[in-house]
């Protein structure tokens, strides 16, 4: 009797764990789709950050930062400055410091993507998409 109850509880725990893992995976994929759609819409409307352009080209948030730094290096080589914008960045949960950030148009990003030579295959695909985006 006690063994049946222990077995039922173990089976139930395993079912709940698999359901939670599946829900977690679905939430992650939905978040990635939302990020991409939102980034595409933002990029069409005006100058945005390089990471936003990379997300719009199909990279995930974690990969977009690495691609953006490579594009930033290409921008320095080409002498592309972008448009300055002032934002208030939160640090340590409460301090809102005013910082200058740089936004780039689709045309500027397309020029950078042509000069950008990434090694990683997913960055290469994103660079090709960014080059034809303009």
N, C-alpha and C. Protein backbone atom coordinates (compact mmCIF):
# COMPACT_ATOMS: atom_id res chain seq x y z
N UNK A 1 0.83 -1.19 0.00
CA UNK A 1 0.00 0.00 0.00
C UNK A 1 0.86 1.25 0.00
N UNK A 2 1.86 1.28 0.90
CA UNK A 2 2.73 2.44 1.00
C UNK A 2 3.59 2.57 -0.25
N UNK A 3 3.99 1.41 -0.82
CA UNK A 3 4.81 1.46 -2.03
C UNK A 3 4.02 2.02 -3.21
N UNK A 4 2.71 1.67 -3.28
CA UNK A 4 1.88 2.22 -4.35
C UNK A 4 1.80 3.74 -4.25
N UNK A 5 1.62 4.22 -3.03
CA UNK A 5 1.52 5.66 -2.81
C UNK A 5 2.84 6.35 -3.17
N UNK A 6 3.96 5.76 -2.81
CA UNK A 6 5.27 6.33 -3.13
C UNK A 6 5.48 6.34 -4.64
N UNK A 7 5.08 5.24 -5.30
CA UNK A 7 5.23 5.16 -6.75
C UNK A 7 4.34 6.19 -7.45
N UNK A 8 3.11 6.36 -6.96
CA UNK A 8 2.20 7.35 -7.55
C UNK A 8 2.75 8.76 -7.38
N UNK A 9 3.29 9.05 -6.21
CA UNK A 9 3.86 10.38 -5.97
C UNK A 9 5.07 10.63 -6.87
N UNK A 10 5.91 9.62 -7.02
CA UNK A 10 7.09 9.76 -7.88
C UNK A 10 6.66 9.99 -9.33
N UNK A 11 5.65 9.22 -9.78
CA UNK A 11 5.16 9.38 -11.15
C UNK A 11 4.56 10.78 -11.33
N UNK A 12 3.82 11.22 -10.35
CA UNK A 12 3.19 12.55 -10.40
C UNK A 12 4.27 13.65 -10.45
N UNK A 13 5.30 13.50 -9.61
CA UNK A 13 6.40 14.48 -9.62
C UNK A 13 7.08 14.53 -10.98
N UNK A 14 7.29 13.37 -11.58
CA UNK A 14 7.93 13.32 -12.90
C UNK A 14 7.05 13.99 -13.95
N UNK A 15 5.73 13.75 -13.89
CA UNK A 15 4.81 14.39 -14.84
C UNK A 15 4.81 15.90 -14.67
N UNK A 16 4.77 16.35 -13.44
CA UNK A 16 4.78 17.80 -13.18
C UNK A 16 6.08 18.42 -13.66
N UNK A 17 7.20 17.75 -13.42
CA UNK A 17 8.50 18.27 -13.85
C UNK A 17 8.55 18.38 -15.37
N UNK A 18 8.04 17.37 -16.08
CA UNK A 18 8.08 17.43 -17.55
C UNK A 18 7.15 18.53 -18.06
N UNK A 19 6.00 18.70 -17.41
CA UNK A 19 5.09 19.77 -17.81
C UNK A 19 5.73 21.14 -17.58
N UNK A 20 6.39 21.31 -16.45
CA UNK A 20 7.05 22.59 -16.17
C UNK A 20 8.18 22.86 -17.15
N UNK A 21 8.94 21.82 -17.50
CA UNK A 21 10.04 22.00 -18.46
C UNK A 21 9.48 22.39 -19.83
N UNK A 22 8.40 21.74 -20.24
CA UNK A 22 7.79 22.07 -21.54
C UNK A 22 7.25 23.50 -21.54
N UNK A 23 6.61 23.90 -20.46
CA UNK A 23 6.08 25.27 -20.36
C UNK A 23 7.22 26.29 -20.39
N UNK A 24 8.33 25.97 -19.71
CA UNK A 24 9.50 26.85 -19.70
C UNK A 24 10.06 27.02 -21.11
N UNK A 25 10.14 25.92 -21.83
CA UNK A 25 10.66 25.97 -23.21
C UNK A 25 9.73 26.77 -24.12
N UNK A 26 8.43 26.59 -23.97
CA UNK A 26 7.47 27.36 -24.77
C UNK A 26 7.55 28.84 -24.47
N UNK A 27 7.69 29.18 -23.19
CA UNK A 27 7.81 30.59 -22.83
C UNK A 27 9.06 31.21 -23.43
N UNK A 28 10.17 30.46 -23.42
CA UNK A 28 11.43 30.96 -23.98
C UNK A 28 11.30 31.18 -25.48
N UNK A 29 10.68 30.24 -26.19
CA UNK A 29 10.55 30.41 -27.64
C UNK A 29 9.58 31.55 -27.97
N UNK A 30 8.53 31.70 -27.19
CA UNK A 30 7.60 32.81 -27.41
C UNK A 30 8.28 34.14 -27.15
N UNK A 31 9.14 34.20 -26.12
CA UNK A 31 9.86 35.42 -25.81
C UNK A 31 10.80 35.78 -26.96
N UNK A 32 11.48 34.78 -27.51
CA UNK A 32 12.39 35.03 -28.64
C UNK A 32 11.62 35.54 -29.86
N UNK A 33 10.46 34.94 -30.15
CA UNK A 33 9.64 35.41 -31.28
C UNK A 33 9.17 36.84 -31.06
N UNK A 34 8.72 37.14 -29.84
CA UNK A 34 8.26 38.49 -29.54
C UNK A 34 9.38 39.50 -29.69
N UNK A 35 10.58 39.15 -29.18
CA UNK A 35 11.73 40.05 -29.30
C UNK A 35 12.03 40.36 -30.76
N UNK A 36 12.01 39.33 -31.60
CA UNK A 36 12.32 39.53 -33.01
C UNK A 36 11.28 40.41 -33.69
N UNK A 37 10.01 40.13 -33.46
CA UNK A 37 8.95 40.92 -34.08
C UNK A 37 9.03 42.38 -33.62
N UNK A 38 9.24 42.58 -32.33
CA UNK A 38 9.33 43.92 -31.78
C UNK A 38 10.53 44.66 -32.36
N UNK A 39 11.66 43.98 -32.48
CA UNK A 39 12.87 44.60 -33.02
C UNK A 39 12.69 44.97 -34.49
N UNK A 40 12.06 44.10 -35.27
CA UNK A 40 11.82 44.40 -36.69
C UNK A 40 10.96 45.65 -36.82
N UNK A 41 9.92 45.74 -36.00
CA UNK A 41 9.03 46.90 -36.06
C UNK A 41 9.77 48.18 -35.66
N UNK A 42 10.61 48.10 -34.64
CA UNK A 42 11.33 49.28 -34.19
C UNK A 42 12.35 49.75 -35.21
N UNK A 43 13.05 48.80 -35.84
CA UNK A 43 14.09 49.14 -36.81
C UNK A 43 13.47 49.85 -38.02
N UNK A 44 12.26 49.49 -38.38
CA UNK A 44 11.61 50.11 -39.53
C UNK A 44 11.26 51.57 -39.26
N UNK A 45 11.07 51.93 -38.00
CA UNK A 45 10.59 53.27 -37.68
C UNK A 45 11.67 54.32 -37.50
N UNK A 46 12.91 53.94 -37.30
CA UNK A 46 13.94 54.96 -37.11
C UNK A 46 15.23 54.36 -36.62
N UNK A 47 16.20 55.20 -36.28
CA UNK A 47 17.49 54.68 -35.82
C UNK A 47 17.35 53.96 -34.48
N UNK A 48 18.05 52.84 -34.38
CA UNK A 48 18.01 52.01 -33.17
C UNK A 48 19.41 51.54 -32.83
N UNK A 49 19.53 50.88 -31.69
CA UNK A 49 20.84 50.37 -31.27
C UNK A 49 21.26 49.21 -32.16
N UNK A 50 22.55 48.91 -32.14
CA UNK A 50 23.06 47.81 -32.97
C UNK A 50 22.51 46.47 -32.51
N UNK A 51 22.30 46.31 -31.21
CA UNK A 51 21.74 45.06 -30.70
C UNK A 51 20.31 44.87 -31.21
N UNK A 52 19.54 45.93 -31.29
CA UNK A 52 18.18 45.84 -31.81
C UNK A 52 18.20 45.43 -33.27
N UNK A 53 19.12 45.99 -34.05
CA UNK A 53 19.25 45.59 -35.45
C UNK A 53 19.62 44.12 -35.55
N UNK A 54 20.51 43.65 -34.67
CA UNK A 54 20.92 42.24 -34.70
C UNK A 54 19.76 41.31 -34.34
N UNK A 55 18.95 41.71 -33.36
CA UNK A 55 17.78 40.91 -32.99
C UNK A 55 16.80 40.87 -34.15
N UNK A 56 16.63 42.00 -34.83
CA UNK A 56 15.73 42.05 -35.98
C UNK A 56 16.25 41.16 -37.11
N UNK A 57 17.56 40.94 -37.17
CA UNK A 57 18.13 40.07 -38.19
C UNK A 57 18.03 38.59 -37.82
N UNK A 58 17.53 38.29 -36.64
CA UNK A 58 17.28 36.90 -36.28
C UNK A 58 18.14 36.33 -35.18
N UNK A 59 19.02 37.13 -34.57
CA UNK A 59 19.83 36.61 -33.47
C UNK A 59 19.04 36.68 -32.17
N UNK A 60 19.44 35.85 -31.22
CA UNK A 60 18.82 35.91 -29.90
C UNK A 60 19.47 37.04 -29.11
N UNK A 61 18.83 37.39 -27.99
CA UNK A 61 19.33 38.51 -27.18
C UNK A 61 20.77 38.31 -26.72
N UNK A 62 21.10 37.10 -26.32
CA UNK A 62 22.45 36.84 -25.81
C UNK A 62 23.49 36.95 -26.91
N UNK A 63 23.15 36.55 -28.12
CA UNK A 63 24.09 36.62 -29.24
C UNK A 63 24.16 38.02 -29.84
N UNK A 64 23.10 38.79 -29.68
CA UNK A 64 23.04 40.12 -30.29
C UNK A 64 24.11 41.05 -29.73
N UNK A 65 24.46 40.89 -28.46
CA UNK A 65 25.48 41.75 -27.86
C UNK A 65 26.84 41.52 -28.51
N UNK A 66 27.19 40.26 -28.76
CA UNK A 66 28.46 39.96 -29.41
C UNK A 66 28.51 40.46 -30.84
N UNK A 67 27.42 40.29 -31.56
CA UNK A 67 27.35 40.77 -32.93
C UNK A 67 27.41 42.30 -32.96
N UNK A 68 26.76 42.94 -31.99
CA UNK A 68 26.76 44.41 -31.93
C UNK A 68 28.15 44.95 -31.70
N UNK A 69 28.95 44.27 -30.87
CA UNK A 69 30.30 44.76 -30.63
C UNK A 69 31.15 44.64 -31.89
N UNK A 70 30.94 43.58 -32.67
CA UNK A 70 31.65 43.45 -33.94
C UNK A 70 31.24 44.52 -34.93
N UNK A 71 29.95 44.82 -34.96
CA UNK A 71 29.46 45.89 -35.85
C UNK A 71 29.99 47.25 -35.40
N UNK A 72 30.11 47.43 -34.08
CA UNK A 72 30.64 48.68 -33.55
C UNK A 72 32.09 48.88 -34.00
N UNK A 73 32.87 47.81 -34.01
CA UNK A 73 34.26 47.88 -34.49
C UNK A 73 34.30 48.23 -35.97
N UNK A 74 33.38 47.65 -36.75
CA UNK A 74 33.30 47.97 -38.18
C UNK A 74 32.91 49.43 -38.37
N UNK A 75 32.04 49.95 -37.51
CA UNK A 75 31.63 51.36 -37.61
C UNK A 75 32.82 52.28 -37.34
N UNK A 76 33.64 51.91 -36.37
CA UNK A 76 34.84 52.73 -36.10
C UNK A 76 35.76 52.75 -37.30
N UNK A 77 35.97 51.58 -37.93
CA UNK A 77 36.83 51.52 -39.10
C UNK A 77 36.29 52.38 -40.24
N UNK A 78 34.97 52.40 -40.40
CA UNK A 78 34.35 53.16 -41.50
C UNK A 78 34.12 54.62 -41.15
N UNK A 79 34.24 54.97 -39.86
CA UNK A 79 33.99 56.35 -39.43
C UNK A 79 32.52 56.69 -39.30
N UNK A 80 31.67 55.69 -39.09
CA UNK A 80 30.23 55.93 -38.91
C UNK A 80 29.97 56.20 -37.44
N UNK A 81 29.36 57.34 -37.15
CA UNK A 81 29.13 57.72 -35.76
C UNK A 81 27.73 57.38 -35.26
N UNK A 82 26.75 57.45 -36.12
CA UNK A 82 25.37 57.24 -35.68
C UNK A 82 24.79 58.51 -35.10
N UNK A 83 23.63 58.37 -34.49
CA UNK A 83 22.93 59.51 -33.88
C UNK A 83 22.97 59.36 -32.37
N UNK A 84 23.37 60.41 -31.69
CA UNK A 84 23.45 60.36 -30.22
C UNK A 84 22.06 60.48 -29.62
N UNK A 85 21.83 59.76 -28.55
CA UNK A 85 20.59 59.85 -27.80
C UNK A 85 20.94 59.79 -26.32
N UNK A 86 20.20 60.51 -25.50
CA UNK A 86 20.41 60.49 -24.05
C UNK A 86 19.32 59.64 -23.43
N UNK A 87 19.76 58.68 -22.60
CA UNK A 87 18.79 57.87 -21.87
C UNK A 87 19.17 57.90 -20.40
N UNK A 88 18.24 57.48 -19.56
CA UNK A 88 18.52 57.38 -18.14
C UNK A 88 18.60 55.90 -17.80
N UNK A 89 19.82 55.41 -17.60
CA UNK A 89 20.07 53.99 -17.37
C UNK A 89 20.02 53.68 -15.88
N UNK A 90 19.28 52.65 -15.54
CA UNK A 90 19.17 52.22 -14.14
C UNK A 90 20.36 51.34 -13.78
N UNK A 91 20.98 51.64 -12.67
CA UNK A 91 22.04 50.77 -12.16
C UNK A 91 21.81 50.57 -10.68
N UNK A 92 22.16 49.41 -10.20
CA UNK A 92 21.96 48.98 -8.81
C UNK A 92 20.51 49.14 -8.36
N UNK A 93 19.59 49.01 -9.31
CA UNK A 93 18.18 48.97 -8.95
C UNK A 93 17.49 50.30 -8.76
N UNK A 94 18.22 51.39 -8.55
CA UNK A 94 17.51 52.63 -8.26
C UNK A 94 18.16 53.86 -8.88
N UNK A 95 19.47 53.88 -9.08
CA UNK A 95 20.13 55.06 -9.62
C UNK A 95 19.84 55.17 -11.10
N UNK A 96 19.34 56.32 -11.54
CA UNK A 96 19.05 56.51 -12.96
C UNK A 96 20.01 57.55 -13.51
N UNK A 97 21.13 57.04 -14.03
CA UNK A 97 22.18 57.89 -14.57
C UNK A 97 21.88 58.28 -16.00
N UNK A 98 22.14 59.51 -16.38
CA UNK A 98 21.99 59.93 -17.77
C UNK A 98 23.24 59.53 -18.54
N UNK A 99 23.06 58.75 -19.60
CA UNK A 99 24.19 58.31 -20.42
C UNK A 99 23.87 58.59 -21.89
N UNK A 100 24.93 58.73 -22.68
CA UNK A 100 24.77 58.92 -24.12
C UNK A 100 24.90 57.57 -24.80
N UNK A 101 23.93 57.24 -25.63
CA UNK A 101 23.98 56.01 -26.42
C UNK A 101 23.92 56.39 -27.89
N UNK A 102 24.30 55.46 -28.75
CA UNK A 102 24.35 55.75 -30.18
C UNK A 102 23.36 54.86 -30.91
N UNK A 103 22.56 55.48 -31.76
CA UNK A 103 21.56 54.78 -32.56
C UNK A 103 21.99 54.85 -34.03
N UNK A 104 21.67 53.80 -34.77
CA UNK A 104 22.09 53.72 -36.16
C UNK A 104 20.90 53.42 -37.05
N UNK A 105 20.89 54.02 -38.24
CA UNK A 105 19.81 53.77 -39.20
C UNK A 105 20.08 52.45 -39.92
N UNK A 106 19.09 51.98 -40.66
CA UNK A 106 19.24 50.73 -41.40
C UNK A 106 20.33 50.83 -42.46
N UNK A 107 20.44 51.99 -43.10
CA UNK A 107 21.45 52.17 -44.13
C UNK A 107 22.86 52.11 -43.53
N UNK A 108 23.03 52.77 -42.38
CA UNK A 108 24.34 52.74 -41.71
C UNK A 108 24.71 51.31 -41.30
N UNK A 109 23.73 50.59 -40.78
CA UNK A 109 23.98 49.21 -40.36
C UNK A 109 24.31 48.33 -41.56
N UNK A 110 23.67 48.59 -42.70
CA UNK A 110 23.97 47.81 -43.90
C UNK A 110 25.42 48.05 -44.34
N UNK A 111 25.89 49.30 -44.24
CA UNK A 111 27.29 49.59 -44.57
C UNK A 111 28.24 48.87 -43.61
N UNK A 112 27.90 48.90 -42.32
CA UNK A 112 28.74 48.22 -41.32
C UNK A 112 28.77 46.72 -41.57
N UNK A 113 27.61 46.16 -41.93
CA UNK A 113 27.52 44.71 -42.13
C UNK A 113 28.38 44.27 -43.31
N UNK A 114 28.55 45.13 -44.30
CA UNK A 114 29.40 44.77 -45.44
C UNK A 114 30.87 44.73 -45.02
N UNK A 115 31.27 45.60 -44.08
CA UNK A 115 32.65 45.63 -43.61
C UNK A 115 32.90 44.63 -42.48
N UNK A 116 31.83 44.10 -41.90
CA UNK A 116 31.91 43.18 -40.75
C UNK A 116 32.22 41.77 -41.26
N UNK A 117 33.27 41.16 -40.73
CA UNK A 117 33.66 39.81 -41.13
C UNK A 117 33.67 38.88 -39.91
N UNK A 118 32.51 38.37 -39.52
CA UNK A 118 32.47 37.51 -38.34
C UNK A 118 32.98 36.11 -38.63
N UNK A 119 33.39 35.40 -37.58
CA UNK A 119 33.86 34.02 -37.72
C UNK A 119 32.75 33.01 -37.42
N UNK A 120 31.89 33.35 -36.47
CA UNK A 120 30.84 32.40 -36.07
C UNK A 120 29.78 32.28 -37.17
N UNK A 121 29.31 31.08 -37.46
CA UNK A 121 28.34 30.90 -38.55
C UNK A 121 27.03 31.65 -38.35
N UNK A 122 26.51 31.68 -37.11
CA UNK A 122 25.25 32.39 -36.89
C UNK A 122 25.44 33.90 -37.05
N UNK A 123 26.60 34.43 -36.69
CA UNK A 123 26.88 35.84 -36.90
C UNK A 123 27.03 36.14 -38.40
N UNK A 124 27.57 35.16 -39.15
CA UNK A 124 27.71 35.34 -40.60
C UNK A 124 26.34 35.46 -41.25
N UNK A 125 25.41 34.62 -40.82
CA UNK A 125 24.05 34.68 -41.35
C UNK A 125 23.40 36.01 -41.00
N UNK A 126 23.59 36.46 -39.75
CA UNK A 126 23.02 37.75 -39.33
C UNK A 126 23.64 38.90 -40.11
N UNK A 127 24.95 38.84 -40.37
CA UNK A 127 25.61 39.90 -41.14
C UNK A 127 25.06 39.96 -42.55
N UNK A 128 24.80 38.80 -43.14
CA UNK A 128 24.23 38.78 -44.48
C UNK A 128 22.83 39.38 -44.49
N UNK A 129 22.05 39.07 -43.46
CA UNK A 129 20.69 39.63 -43.37
C UNK A 129 20.74 41.13 -43.15
N UNK A 130 21.67 41.59 -42.32
CA UNK A 130 21.80 43.03 -42.07
C UNK A 130 22.24 43.78 -43.33
N UNK A 131 23.09 43.15 -44.14
CA UNK A 131 23.59 43.80 -45.34
C UNK A 131 22.48 44.02 -46.36
N UNK A 132 21.52 43.11 -46.43
CA UNK A 132 20.43 43.26 -47.41
C UNK A 132 19.21 43.94 -46.82
N UNK A 133 19.26 44.30 -45.54
CA UNK A 133 18.07 44.88 -44.87
C UNK A 133 17.74 46.27 -45.40
N UNK A 134 18.73 46.99 -45.89
CA UNK A 134 18.48 48.38 -46.31
C UNK A 134 17.84 48.48 -47.67
